Amino acid sequence: MKCLILAGGFATRLYPLTLNRAKALLEYKGKPIISHIVDKLPQNINIMVNVNKKFEADFHKWQRNLNREVEILVEEALSEEQKLGAVGSLNFWIEKKPIAEDLLVIAGDNYFGFDLAQFVASYDATHTLVAIHDIGDKAKATQFGVVQLDGHKIVGFQEKPIKPKSSLVATACYIFPRRVFPLLHQYCQQGKRDNLGSFIAYLADQDEVHAYTFTEPWVDIGSVEDLV
């Protein structure tokens, strides 16, 4: 298994804070957000980080200060209009590298307290696995991908619904078995390239998708207030 951390966005909602700095490199709890992810990853998993051309130099500087090897994958995007999008980036690197192993995918602006080793250990090597958190408030759930579960299986998925059916939300941490890569390619061929949550909804309609529920802290950093 390999890991791809997605950090290629421009975080326009955080402007001017992210005009000259990638969101994943903003400091949170004493270090860059992305460093919290890298520190949690088991040592036997090779790490790749998808970045854009604008912040390439900053990520290489960050890379040099790590105590483990990380491969930087650079998109030729200098602006929001040129980016591939989260789903597009995932598909692009799977095909370009190419990646032929199961893939752990994590958003670089995603802070979570659960143990990634336990998450990986719960993966059955067959079905897509999604980290799920109960935020305890349906009103807040309108900003996320909301899931319904039958045991550990995802049986319903709503992307930012007006009236959520639960307060269980999908966090940006997934394991994709290599057997679903053709479905990812098929999805991108439809011109849908940005939202990973929408891809999970698409996948759940065609294949069995499993949930890993956790109660530890989780923050989807989307505003300046989230960084405090």
Foldseek 3Di string as FASTA:
>chain_A
DAEEEEQAAQLPLAPPVRVQHGQQQDDFPHGRLLVLVVVLDDPVHAAEYEYEPRCVVVVVVVQVPDPHHYHYDYDPDDDNVRDQAPLRVVLVDCVVVPDQFKYKYAYSQKDWDDRVVVVVVPDPLPAKEFEKEQPPDQCVQLQAWAFDDDVFWTPDIDGSDPGGPGRIGTHRIMIGGSVCSVVSVVVVVVVDGHDVSVVVRVVVVPDIHGYDYDHTDIDRDNYPVSRD
